[in-house]
Amino acid sequence: MKNKWSSLLGLATRARKVVSGEELVVKEIRSGRAKLVILSDDASTNTRKKIEDKCTSYEIPLRYAPDRYMLGQAIGKDARVVVAVIDDGFAQTLMTLFDESLWG
C-alpha cells in the first residue's frame, strides 16, 4: 500500500534530498542540514534514544514511520531504520502528510 508520505519521500530521494543510515543522519543533524528526521517504530531502544535525543537537542522535527520495511521501500532501498530530509520544502510537506495520516 502506497501512501502519500511514502510517495513524496521517494520523490525527495530521487531529488537527492534524503540521507539514510544512523551515522549519516546524526552527522546531518549535527551540521544543521537535517530539516526532518523519520524514524521507524521498530527501531532498537538504543537507536531510538540516540536519534530522539539528537533531534531534541538540535530542535529537528521527528516523525515515525510504521516500520523499517515501509521506510526502506519508500526510498527504494532495503529496510531502513532512520532517514533525514535535507530540503525545507520536502520536510514541511512531509510533516503535514505524517500529521494528517496520524490524525485522519
PDB file of N, CA and C in Angstrom:
ATOM      1  N   MET A   1       0.833  -1.187   0.000  1.00  0.00           N
ATOM      2  CA  MET A   1       0.000   0.000   0.000  1.00  0.00           C
ATOM      3  C   MET A   1       0.874   1.245   0.000  1.00  0.00           C
ATOM      4  N   LYS A   2       0.738   2.030  -1.042  1.00  0.00           N
ATOM      5  CA  LYS A   2       1.478   3.289  -1.120  1.00  0.00           C
ATOM      6  C   LYS A   2       0.636   4.379  -0.483  1.00  0.00           C
ATOM      7  N   ASN A   3       1.251   5.168   0.371  1.00  0.00           N
ATOM      8  CA  ASN A   3       0.522   6.302   0.917  1.00  0.00           C
ATOM      9  C   ASN A   3       1.226   7.586   0.494  1.00  0.00           C
ATOM     10  N   LYS A   4       0.634   8.720   0.792  1.00  0.00           N
ATOM     11  CA  LYS A   4       1.143   9.991   0.281  1.00  0.00           C
ATOM     12  C   LYS A   4       2.546  10.300   0.767  1.00  0.00           C
ATOM     13  N   TRP A   5       2.800  10.059   2.058  1.00  0.00           N
ATOM     14  CA  TRP A   5       4.129  10.409   2.561  1.00  0.00           C
ATOM     15  C   TRP A   5       5.223   9.563   1.930  1.00  0.00           C
ATOM     16  N   SER A   6       4.941   8.275   1.673  1.00  0.00           N
ATOM     17  CA  SER A   6       5.990   7.434   1.091  1.00  0.00           C
ATOM     18  C   SER A   6       6.264   7.815  -0.359  1.00  0.00           C
ATOM     19  N   SER A   7       5.234   8.226  -1.074  1.00  0.00           N
ATOM     20  CA  SER A   7       5.431   8.685  -2.453  1.00  0.00           C
ATOM     21  C   SER A   7       6.275   9.949  -2.489  1.00  0.00           C
ATOM     22  N   LEU A   8       5.975  10.888  -1.595  1.00  0.00           N
ATOM     23  CA  LEU A   8       6.743  12.130  -1.556  1.00  0.00           C
ATOM     24  C   LEU A   8       8.176  11.884  -1.083  1.00  0.00           C
ATOM     25  N   LEU A   9       8.350  10.975  -0.151  1.00  0.00           N
ATOM     26  CA  LEU A   9       9.692  10.639   0.314  1.00  0.00           C
ATOM     27  C   LEU A   9      10.507  10.018  -0.818  1.00  0.00           C
ATOM     28  N   GLY A  10       9.859   9.218  -1.650  1.00  0.00           N
ATOM     29  CA  GLY A  10      10.528   8.653  -2.825  1.00  0.00           C
ATOM     30  C   GLY A  10      10.953   9.738  -3.792  1.00  0.00           C
ATOM     31  N   LEU A  11      10.103  10.722  -4.000  1.00  0.00           N
ATOM     32  CA  LEU A  11      10.436  11.848  -4.864  1.00  0.00           C
ATOM     33  C   LEU A  11      11.618  12.635  -4.299  1.00  0.00           C
ATOM     34  N   ALA A  12      11.607  12.877  -2.997  1.00  0.00           N
ATOM     35  CA  ALA A  12      12.717  13.587  -2.341  1.00  0.00           C
ATOM     36  C   ALA A  12      14.017  12.800  -2.477  1.00  0.00           C
ATOM     37  N   THR A  13      13.920  11.471  -2.415  1.00  0.00           N
ATOM     38  CA  THR A  13      15.104  10.622  -2.572  1.00  0.00           C
ATOM     39  C   THR A  13      15.673  10.759  -3.970  1.00  0.00           C
ATOM     40  N   ARG A  14      14.799  10.735  -4.971  1.00  0.00           N
ATOM     41  CA  ARG A  14      15.260  10.884  -6.355  1.00  0.00           C
ATOM     42  C   ARG A  14      15.863  12.262  -6.592  1.00  0.00           C
ATOM     43  N   ALA A  15      15.432  13.249  -5.818  1.00  0.00           N
ATOM     44  CA  ALA A  15      15.996  14.600  -5.927  1.00  0.00           C
ATOM     45  C   ALA A  15      17.266  14.743  -5.079  1.00  0.00           C
ATOM     46  N   ARG A  16      17.712  13.642  -4.473  1.00  0.00           N
ATOM     47  CA  ARG A  16      18.919  13.605  -3.629  1.00  0.00           C
ATOM     48  C   ARG A  16      18.808  14.520  -2.414  1.00  0.00           C
ATOM     49  N   LYS A  17      17.631  14.526  -1.813  1.00  0.00           N
ATOM     50  CA  LYS A  17      17.383  15.342  -0.621  1.00  0.00           C
ATOM     51  C   LYS A  17      17.139  14.490   0.618  1.00  0.00           C
ATOM     52  N   VAL A  18      17.487  13.198   0.539  1.00  0.00           N
ATOM     53  CA  VAL A  18      17.287  12.278   1.660  1.00  0.00           C
ATOM     54  C   VAL A  18      18.592  11.549   1.963  1.00  0.00           C
ATOM     55  N   VAL A  19      18.911  11.462   3.245  1.00  0.00           N
ATOM     56  CA  VAL A  19      20.089  10.730   3.707  1.00  0.00           C
ATOM     57  C   VAL A  19      19.593   9.605   4.595  1.00  0.00           C
ATOM     58  N   SER A  20      20.135   8.381   4.405  1.00  0.00           N
ATOM     59  CA  SER A  20      19.697   7.267   5.249  1.00  0.00           C
ATOM     60  C   SER A  20      20.883   6.640   5.959  1.00  0.00           C
ATOM     61  N   GLY A  21      20.595   6.004   7.068  1.00  0.00           N
ATOM     62  CA  GLY A  21      21.637   5.386   7.872  1.00  0.00           C
ATOM     63  C   GLY A  21      21.886   6.186   9.134  1.00  0.00           C
ATOM     64  N   GLU A  22      22.016   5.498  10.242  1.00  0.00           N
ATOM     65  CA  GLU A  22      22.088   6.161  11.546  1.00  0.00           C
ATOM     66  C   GLU A  22      23.225   7.186  11.645  1.00  0.00           C
ATOM     67  N   GLU A  23      24.443   6.790  11.285  1.00  0.00           N
ATOM     68  CA  GLU A  23      25.584   7.698  11.441  1.00  0.00           C
ATOM     69  C   GLU A  23      25.485   8.906  10.506  1.00  0.00           C
ATOM     70  N   LEU A  24      25.046   8.681   9.271  1.00  0.00           N
ATOM     71  CA  LEU A  24      24.895   9.794   8.330  1.00  0.00           C
ATOM     72  C   LEU A  24      23.809  10.759   8.781  1.00  0.00           C
ATOM     73  N   VAL A  25      22.728  10.218   9.319  1.00  0.00           N
ATOM     74  CA  VAL A  25      21.638  11.067   9.811  1.00  0.00           C
ATOM     75  C   VAL A  25      22.114  11.896  10.999  1.00  0.00           C
ATOM     76  N   VAL A  26      22.838  11.278  11.931  1.00  0.00           N
ATOM     77  CA  VAL A  26      23.368  12.019  13.082  1.00  0.00           C
ATOM     78  C   VAL A  26      24.299  13.136  12.610  1.00  0.00           C
ATOM     79  N   LYS A  27      25.114  12.858  11.600  1.00  0.00           N
ATOM     80  CA  LYS A  27      26.017  13.873  11.036  1.00  0.00           C
ATOM     81  C   LYS A  27      25.220  15.054  10.464  1.00  0.00           C
ATOM     82  N   GLU A  28      24.127  14.759   9.746  1.00  0.00           N
ATOM     83  CA  GLU A  28      23.285  15.817   9.175  1.00  0.00           C
ATOM     84  C   GLU A  28      22.585  16.621  10.273  1.00  0.00           C
ATOM     85  N   ILE A  29      22.180  15.954  11.346  1.00  0.00           N
ATOM     86  CA  ILE A  29      21.550  16.656  12.471  1.00  0.00           C
ATOM     87  C   ILE A  29      22.553  17.624  13.096  1.00  0.00           C
ATOM     88  N   ARG A  30      23.761  17.128  13.359  1.00  0.00           N
ATOM     89  CA  ARG A  30      24.796  17.966  13.983  1.00  0.00           C
ATOM     90  C   ARG A  30      25.167  19.156  13.116  1.00  0.00           C
ATOM     91  N   SER A  31      25.207  18.960  11.791  1.00  0.00           N
ATOM     92  CA  SER A  31      25.598  20.052  10.896  1.00  0.00           C
ATOM     93  C   SER A  31      24.471  21.064  10.691  1.00  0.00           C
ATOM     94  N   GLY A  32      23.247  20.693  11.103  1.00  0.00           N
ATOM     95  CA  GLY A  32      22.111  21.593  10.954  1.00  0.00           C
ATOM     96  C   GLY A  32      21.434  21.494   9.602  1.00  0.00           C
ATOM     97  N   ARG A  33      21.875  20.560   8.762  1.00  0.00           N
ATOM     98  CA  ARG A  33      21.278  20.415   7.431  1.00  0.00           C
ATOM     99  C   ARG A  33      19.979  19.624   7.454  1.00  0.00           C
ATOM    100  N   ALA A  34      19.792  18.757   8.447  1.00  0.00           N
ATOM    101  CA  ALA A  34      18.573  17.944   8.531  1.00  0.00           C
ATOM    102  C   ALA A  34      17.388  18.839   8.874  1.00  0.00           C
ATOM    103  N   LYS A  35      16.335  18.755   8.074  1.00  0.00           N
ATOM    104  CA  LYS A  35      15.119  19.544   8.309  1.00  0.00           C
ATOM    105  C   LYS A  35      14.011  18.689   8.917  1.00  0.00           C
ATOM    106  N   LEU A  36      14.118  17.373   8.734  1.00  0.00           N
ATOM    107  CA  LEU A  36      13.152  16.421   9.268  1.00  0.00           C
ATOM    108  C   LEU A  36      13.831  15.067   9.378  1.00  0.00           C
ATOM    109  N   VAL A  37      13.597  14.377  10.479  1.00  0.00           N
ATOM    110  CA  VAL A  37      14.108  13.018  10.656  1.00  0.00           C
ATOM    111  C   VAL A  37      12.908  12.083  10.773  1.00  0.00           C
ATOM    112  N   ILE A  38      12.970  10.974  10.042  1.00  0.00           N
ATOM    113  CA  ILE A  38      11.915   9.968  10.095  1.00  0.00           C
ATOM    114  C   ILE A  38      12.529   8.684  10.649  1.00  0.00           C
ATOM    115  N   LEU A  39      11.973   8.215  11.740  1.00  0.00           N
ATOM    116  CA  LEU A  39      12.468   7.039  12.455  1.00  0.00           C
ATOM    117  C   LEU A  39      11.411   5.949  12.399  1.00  0.00           C
ATOM    118  N   SER A  40      11.831   4.716  12.159  1.00  0.00           N
ATOM    119  CA  SER A  40      10.847   3.626  12.133  1.00  0.00           C
ATOM    120  C   SER A  40      10.428   3.271  13.551  1.00  0.00           C
ATOM    121  N   ASP A  41       9.180   2.874  13.687  1.00  0.00           N
ATOM    122  CA  ASP A  41       8.642   2.499  15.001  1.00  0.00           C
ATOM    123  C   ASP A  41       9.325   1.271  15.582  1.00  0.00           C
ATOM    124  N   ASP A  42       9.921   0.446  14.715  1.00  0.00           N
ATOM    125  CA  ASP A  42      10.557  -0.780  15.204  1.00  0.00           C
ATOM    126  C   ASP A  42      12.071  -0.634  15.381  1.00  0.00           C
ATOM    127  N   ALA A  43      12.537   0.601  15.538  1.00  0.00           N
ATOM    128  CA  ALA A  43      13.972   0.834  15.790  1.00  0.00           C
ATOM    129  C   ALA A  43      14.339   0.285  17.167  1.00  0.00           C
ATOM    130  N   SER A  44      15.605  -0.084  17.317  1.00  0.00           N
ATOM    131  CA  SER A  44      16.051  -0.597  18.618  1.00  0.00           C
ATOM    132  C   SER A  44      15.976   0.518  19.664  1.00  0.00           C
ATOM    133  N   THR A  45      15.952   0.127  20.909  1.00  0.00           N
ATOM    134  CA  THR A  45      15.847   1.091  22.009  1.00  0.00           C
ATOM    135  C   THR A  45      17.007   2.082  21.986  1.00  0.00           C
ATOM    136  N   ASN A  46      18.215   1.576  21.761  1.00  0.00           N
ATOM    137  CA  ASN A  46      19.397   2.457  21.743  1.00  0.00           C
ATOM    138  C   ASN A  46      19.335   3.452  20.590  1.00  0.00           C
ATOM    139  N   THR A  47      18.980   2.973  19.404  1.00  0.00           N
ATOM    140  CA  THR A  47      18.879   3.852  18.236  1.00  0.00           C
ATOM    141  C   THR A  47      17.790   4.897  18.449  1.00  0.00           C
ATOM    142  N   ARG A  48      16.645   4.455  18.950  1.00  0.00           N
ATOM    143  CA  ARG A  48      15.530   5.368  19.206  1.00  0.00           C
ATOM    144  C   ARG A  48      15.954   6.482  20.170  1.00  0.00           C
ATOM    145  N   LYS A  49      16.604   6.106  21.268  1.00  0.00           N
ATOM    146  CA  LYS A  49      17.027   7.091  22.255  1.00  0.00           C
ATOM    147  C   LYS A  49      18.051   8.064  21.659  1.00  0.00           C
ATOM    148  N   LYS A  50      19.025   7.523  20.928  1.00  0.00           N
ATOM    149  CA  LYS A  50      20.066   8.359  20.329  1.00  0.00           C
ATOM    150  C   LYS A  50      19.468   9.391  19.358  1.00  0.00           C
ATOM    151  N   ILE A  51      18.599   8.937  18.474  1.00  0.00           N
ATOM    152  CA  ILE A  51      18.005   9.827  17.466  1.00  0.00           C
ATOM    153  C   ILE A  51      17.052  10.832  18.126  1.00  0.00           C
ATOM    154  N   GLU A  52      16.215  10.359  19.046  1.00  0.00           N
ATOM    155  CA  GLU A  52      15.283  11.267  19.728  1.00  0.00           C
ATOM    156  C   GLU A  52      16.036  12.343  20.505  1.00  0.00           C
ATOM    157  N   ASP A  53      17.112  11.963  21.207  1.00  0.00           N
ATOM    158  CA  ASP A  53      17.907  12.934  21.971  1.00  0.00           C
ATOM    159  C   ASP A  53      18.581  13.955  21.057  1.00  0.00           C
ATOM    160  N   LYS A  54      19.138  13.489  19.943  1.00  0.00           N
ATOM    161  CA  LYS A  54      19.791  14.411  18.993  1.00  0.00           C
ATOM    162  C   LYS A  54      18.769  15.386  18.414  1.00  0.00           C
ATOM    163  N   CYS A  55      17.621  14.873  18.010  1.00  0.00           N
ATOM    164  CA  CYS A  55      16.589  15.730  17.419  1.00  0.00           C
ATOM    165  C   CYS A  55      16.103  16.764  18.429  1.00  0.00           C
ATOM    166  N   THR A  56      15.953  16.352  19.680  1.00  0.00           N
ATOM    167  CA  THR A  56      15.508  17.271  20.720  1.00  0.00           C
ATOM    168  C   THR A  56      16.545  18.360  20.956  1.00  0.00           C
ATOM    169  N   SER A  57      17.804  17.974  21.104  1.00  0.00           N
ATOM    170  CA  SER A  57      18.829  18.971  21.432  1.00  0.00           C
ATOM    171  C   SER A  57      19.120  19.917  20.271  1.00  0.00           C
ATOM    172  N   TYR A  58      18.974  19.442  19.030  1.00  0.00           N
ATOM    173  CA  TYR A  58      19.214  20.309  17.875  1.00  0.00           C
ATOM    174  C   TYR A  58      17.919  20.887  17.295  1.00  0.00           C
ATOM    175  N   GLU A  59      16.796  20.613  17.958  1.00  0.00           N
ATOM    176  CA  GLU A  59      15.475  21.124  17.554  1.00  0.00           C
ATOM    177  C   GLU A  59      15.113  20.761  16.123  1.00  0.00           C
ATOM    178  N   ILE A  60      15.268  19.475  15.797  1.00  0.00           N
ATOM    179  CA  ILE A  60      14.911  18.958  14.481  1.00  0.00           C
ATOM    180  C   ILE A  60      13.596  18.186  14.622  1.00  0.00           C
ATOM    181  N   PRO A  61      12.605  18.467  13.761  1.00  0.00           N
ATOM    182  CA  PRO A  61      11.339  17.726  13.843  1.00  0.00           C
ATOM    183  C   PRO A  61      11.561  16.231  13.607  1.00  0.00           C
ATOM    184  N   LEU A  62      10.806  15.416  14.319  1.00  0.00           N
ATOM    185  CA  LEU A  62      10.924  13.961  14.231  1.00  0.00           C
ATOM    186  C   LEU A  62       9.542  13.367  13.990  1.00  0.00           C
ATOM    187  N   ARG A  63       9.447  12.465  13.019  1.00  0.00           N
ATOM    188  CA  ARG A  63       8.207  11.753  12.751  1.00  0.00           C
ATOM    189  C   ARG A  63       8.518  10.265  12.707  1.00  0.00           C
ATOM    190  N   TYR A  64       7.480   9.438  12.823  1.00  0.00           N
ATOM    191  CA  TYR A  64       7.666   7.994  12.892  1.00  0.00           C
ATOM    192  C   TYR A  64       6.990   7.278  11.735  1.00  0.00           C
ATOM    193  N   ALA A  65       7.736   6.377  11.094  1.00  0.00           N
ATOM    194  CA  ALA A  65       7.198   5.509  10.051  1.00  0.00           C
ATOM    195  C   ALA A  65       6.742   4.207  10.717  1.00  0.00           C
ATOM    196  N   PRO A  66       5.748   3.530  10.151  1.00  0.00           N
ATOM    197  CA  PRO A  66       5.232   2.310  10.776  1.00  0.00           C
ATOM    198  C   PRO A  66       6.295   1.230  11.021  1.00  0.00           C
ATOM    199  N   ASP A  67       7.176   0.992  10.043  1.00  0.00           N
ATOM    200  CA  ASP A  67       8.245   0.012  10.251  1.00  0.00           C
ATOM    201  C   ASP A  67       9.388   0.251   9.276  1.00  0.00           C
ATOM    202  N   ARG A  68      10.499  -0.445   9.514  1.00  0.00           N
ATOM    203  CA  ARG A  68      11.722  -0.229   8.722  1.00  0.00           C
ATOM    204  C   ARG A  68      11.558  -0.654   7.268  1.00  0.00           C
ATOM    205  N   TYR A  69      10.676  -1.614   7.007  1.00  0.00           N
ATOM    206  CA  TYR A  69      10.495  -2.089   5.638  1.00  0.00           C
ATOM    207  C   TYR A  69       9.729  -1.068   4.800  1.00  0.00           C
ATOM    208  N   MET A  70       8.719  -0.459   5.396  1.00  0.00           N
ATOM    209  CA  MET A  70       7.953   0.573   4.701  1.00  0.00           C
ATOM    210  C   MET A  70       8.833   1.794   4.433  1.00  0.00           C
ATOM    211  N   LEU A  71       9.667   2.159   5.407  1.00  0.00           N
ATOM    212  CA  LEU A  71      10.561   3.306   5.251  1.00  0.00           C
ATOM    213  C   LEU A  71      11.584   3.031   4.151  1.00  0.00           C
ATOM    214  N   GLY A  72      12.142   1.830   4.151  1.00  0.00           N
ATOM    215  CA  GLY A  72      13.104   1.458   3.110  1.00  0.00           C
ATOM    216  C   GLY A  72      12.467   1.418   1.735  1.00  0.00           C
ATOM    217  N   GLN A  73      11.265   0.860   1.655  1.00  0.00           N
ATOM    218  CA  GLN A  73      10.556   0.777   0.377  1.00  0.00           C
ATOM    219  C   GLN A  73      10.262   2.172  -0.176  1.00  0.00           C
ATOM    220  N   ALA A  74       9.955   3.115   0.712  1.00  0.00           N
ATOM    221  CA  ALA A  74       9.631   4.476   0.277  1.00  0.00           C
ATOM    222  C   ALA A  74      10.818   5.137  -0.417  1.00  0.00           C
ATOM    223  N   ILE A  75      12.038   4.796  -0.001  1.00  0.00           N
ATOM    224  CA  ILE A  75      13.213   5.414  -0.625  1.00  0.00           C
ATOM    225  C   ILE A  75      13.888   4.479  -1.628  1.00  0.00           C
ATOM    226  N   GLY A  76      13.230   3.355  -1.933  1.00  0.00           N
ATOM    227  CA  GLY A  76      13.740   2.446  -2.948  1.00  0.00           C
ATOM    228  C   GLY A  76      14.937   1.613  -2.489  1.00  0.00           C
ATOM    229  N   LYS A  77      15.023   1.342  -1.212  1.00  0.00           N
ATOM    230  CA  LYS A  77      16.131   0.555  -0.667  1.00  0.00           C
ATOM    231  C   LYS A  77      15.572  -0.590   0.171  1.00  0.00           C
ATOM    232  N   ASP A  78      16.500  -1.375   0.745  1.00  0.00           N
ATOM    233  CA  ASP A  78      16.086  -2.396   1.703  1.00  0.00           C
ATOM    234  C   ASP A  78      15.624  -1.699   2.973  1.00  0.00           C
ATOM    235  N   ALA A  79      15.404  -2.462   4.005  1.00  0.00           N
ATOM    236  CA  ALA A  79      14.915  -1.906   5.272  1.00  0.00           C
ATOM    237  C   ALA A  79      15.822  -0.780   5.767  1.00  0.00           C
ATOM    238  N   ARG A  80      15.212   0.317   6.184  1.00  0.00           N
ATOM    239  CA  ARG A  80      15.943   1.454   6.736  1.00  0.00           C
ATOM    240  C   ARG A  80      15.283   1.854   8.043  1.00  0.00           C
ATOM    241  N   VAL A  81      16.088   2.142   9.061  1.00  0.00           N
ATOM    242  CA  VAL A  81      15.565   2.481  10.373  1.00  0.00           C
ATOM    243  C   VAL A  81      15.370   3.977  10.512  1.00  0.00           C
ATOM    244  N   VAL A  82      16.266   4.767   9.908  1.00  0.00           N
ATOM    245  CA  VAL A  82      16.173   6.220  10.061  1.00  0.00           C
ATOM    246  C   VAL A  82      16.630   6.919   8.781  1.00  0.00           C
ATOM    247  N   VAL A  83      15.919   7.989   8.418  1.00  0.00           N
ATOM    248  CA  VAL A  83      16.314   8.832   7.290  1.00  0.00           C
ATOM    249  C   VAL A  83      16.166  10.295   7.695  1.00  0.00           C
ATOM    250  N   ALA A  84      16.946  11.144   7.030  1.00  0.00           N
ATOM    251  CA  ALA A  84      16.845  12.586   7.247  1.00  0.00           C
ATOM    252  C   ALA A  84      16.527  13.252   5.921  1.00  0.00           C
ATOM    253  N   VAL A  85      15.617  14.209   5.950  1.00  0.00           N
ATOM    254  CA  VAL A  85      15.284  15.010   4.776  1.00  0.00           C
ATOM    255  C   VAL A  85      16.046  16.318   4.913  1.00  0.00           C
ATOM    256  N   ILE A  86      16.801  16.696   3.867  1.00  0.00           N
ATOM    257  CA  ILE A  86      17.667  17.880   3.961  1.00  0.00           C
ATOM    258  C   ILE A  86      17.172  19.048   3.113  1.00  0.00           C
ATOM    259  N   ASP A  87      15.905  18.992   2.735  1.00  0.00           N
ATOM    260  CA  ASP A  87      15.298  20.089   1.979  1.00  0.00           C
ATOM    261  C   ASP A  87      14.082  20.602   2.745  1.00  0.00           C
ATOM    262  N   ASP A  88      14.024  21.912   2.927  1.00  0.00           N
ATOM    263  CA  ASP A  88      12.969  22.508   3.740  1.00  0.00           C
ATOM    264  C   ASP A  88      11.574  22.289   3.151  1.00  0.00           C
ATOM    265  N   GLY A  89      11.429  22.423   1.856  1.00  0.00           N
ATOM    266  CA  GLY A  89      10.125  22.257   1.216  1.00  0.00           C
ATOM    267  C   GLY A  89       9.592  20.843   1.370  1.00  0.00           C
ATOM    268  N   PHE A  90      10.430  19.855   1.051  1.00  0.00           N
ATOM    269  CA  PHE A  90      10.032  18.459   1.229  1.00  0.00           C
ATOM    270  C   PHE A  90       9.705  18.182   2.692  1.00  0.00           C
ATOM    271  N   ALA A  91      10.528  18.699   3.607  1.00  0.00           N
ATOM    272  CA  ALA A  91      10.343  18.445   5.036  1.00  0.00           C
ATOM    273  C   ALA A  91       8.999  18.984   5.522  1.00  0.00           C
ATOM    274  N   GLN A  92       8.656  20.206   5.134  1.00  0.00           N
ATOM    275  CA  GLN A  92       7.394  20.805   5.571  1.00  0.00           C
ATOM    276  C   GLN A  92       6.194  19.998   5.072  1.00  0.00           C
ATOM    277  N   THR A  93       6.224  19.632   3.791  1.00  0.00           N
ATOM    278  CA  THR A  93       5.117  18.875   3.215  1.00  0.00           C
ATOM    279  C   THR A  93       5.017  17.492   3.846  1.00  0.00           C
ATOM    280  N   LEU A  94       6.161  16.830   4.060  1.00  0.00           N
ATOM    281  CA  LEU A  94       6.154  15.508   4.687  1.00  0.00           C
ATOM    282  C   LEU A  94       5.600  15.568   6.104  1.00  0.00           C
ATOM    283  N   MET A  95       5.957  16.600   6.875  1.00  0.00           N
ATOM    284  CA  MET A  95       5.422  16.726   8.236  1.00  0.00           C
ATOM    285  C   MET A  95       3.908  16.855   8.204  1.00  0.00           C
ATOM    286  N   THR A  96       3.391  17.635   7.261  1.00  0.00           N
ATOM    287  CA  THR A  96       1.951  17.789   7.113  1.00  0.00           C
ATOM    288  C   THR A  96       1.294  16.454   6.777  1.00  0.00           C
ATOM    289  N   LEU A  97       1.892  15.708   5.848  1.00  0.00           N
ATOM    290  CA  LEU A  97       1.324  14.413   5.452  1.00  0.00           C
ATOM    291  C   LEU A  97       1.379  13.407   6.598  1.00  0.00           C
ATOM    292  N   PHE A  98       2.485  13.391   7.362  1.00  0.00           N
ATOM    293  CA  PHE A  98       2.571  12.486   8.507  1.00  0.00           C
ATOM    294  C   PHE A  98       1.509  12.838   9.533  1.00  0.00           C
ATOM    295  N   ASP A  99       1.326  14.125   9.811  1.00  0.00           N
ATOM    296  CA  ASP A  99       0.340  14.546  10.797  1.00  0.00           C
ATOM    297  C   ASP A  99      -1.079  14.206  10.334  1.00  0.00           C
ATOM    298  N   GLU A 100      -1.352  14.366   9.037  1.00  0.00           N
ATOM    299  CA  GLU A 100      -2.667  14.026   8.506  1.00  0.00           C
ATOM    300  C   GLU A 100      -2.938  12.534   8.614  1.00  0.00           C
ATOM    301  N   SER A 101      -1.912  11.713   8.309  1.00  0.00           N
ATOM    302  CA  SER A 101      -2.117  10.264   8.363  1.00  0.00           C
ATOM    303  C   SER A 101      -2.297   9.797   9.805  1.00  0.00           C
ATOM    304  N   LEU A 102      -1.702  10.520  10.742  1.00  0.00           N
ATOM    305  CA  LEU A 102      -1.835  10.172  12.152  1.00  0.00           C
ATOM    306  C   LEU A 102      -3.203  10.590  12.706  1.00  0.00           C
ATOM    307  N   TRP A 103      -3.656  11.769  12.315  1.00  0.00           N
ATOM    308  CA  TRP A 103      -4.885  12.314  12.893  1.00  0.00           C
ATOM    309  C   TRP A 103      -6.095  12.214  11.969  1.00  0.00           C
ATOM    310  N   GLY A 104      -5.899  11.636  10.781  1.00  0.00           N
ATOM    311  CA  GLY A 104      -7.043  11.447   9.885  1.00  0.00           C
ATOM    312  C   GLY A 104      -7.250  12.630   9.027  1.00  0.00           C
TER     313      GLY A 104
END
